[in-house]
């Protein structure tokens, strides 16, 4: 919190120093749109992010005071207004995908924006759909299938690594087993449990 206050003080000084800046022959009413302090978050799928702690706008608005409007986006480029979100700070609801937030500040015909807050959804490692197989010694197991990974900080850019364990505690990587599903070309020498490690996070299934 002390760091946030120091940052806000610095921003206030900068905004005050910019007080003589003109726009179309008149002074800007909005000297500083404000700053979202906790602008990078990661949440579990279906959970709500923390409240977006944001400083108030700085300047002098003689047209009824500053008007705040929070906006959201799924791509960080195209933003839409959030109905009823008109406070200095904003508490997002539960999300199921990566989201971006910013606050628009208006004074008369002037408009300015805060920095953008990015909220990522924690990686969902998927699920192994082939649970248990019973085989005669020397037989080759059927392929083990798993659903694709979802979400994470870089959706669509995942890497996979299958692992094997004989005690379901200590797992070792299977060389070359780096696809979403696991196929076998030879029999297993002994009982083995499998898991799949996904990039950005690990989930044992």
Foldseek 3Di string as FASTA:
>chain_A
DVVVVVVVVVVQVVLVVCQPDDDPRHTDQFSFQWEFDQQEEEEAAFFWDAKRDIDHTDGHAPQVDKWKWKWKDQPVPDIDTDPPQTDRIGTDGGHHAKMKMWMWIDHVPDIDIYDIGIYWHQKDQWAWPDADDDDDAWDFDAKTATDHIATAPDGPDKWKWKWKDPVVPDTDTDPPQIDRIGGTDTGDPDDIDMAMQMPRGGDGD
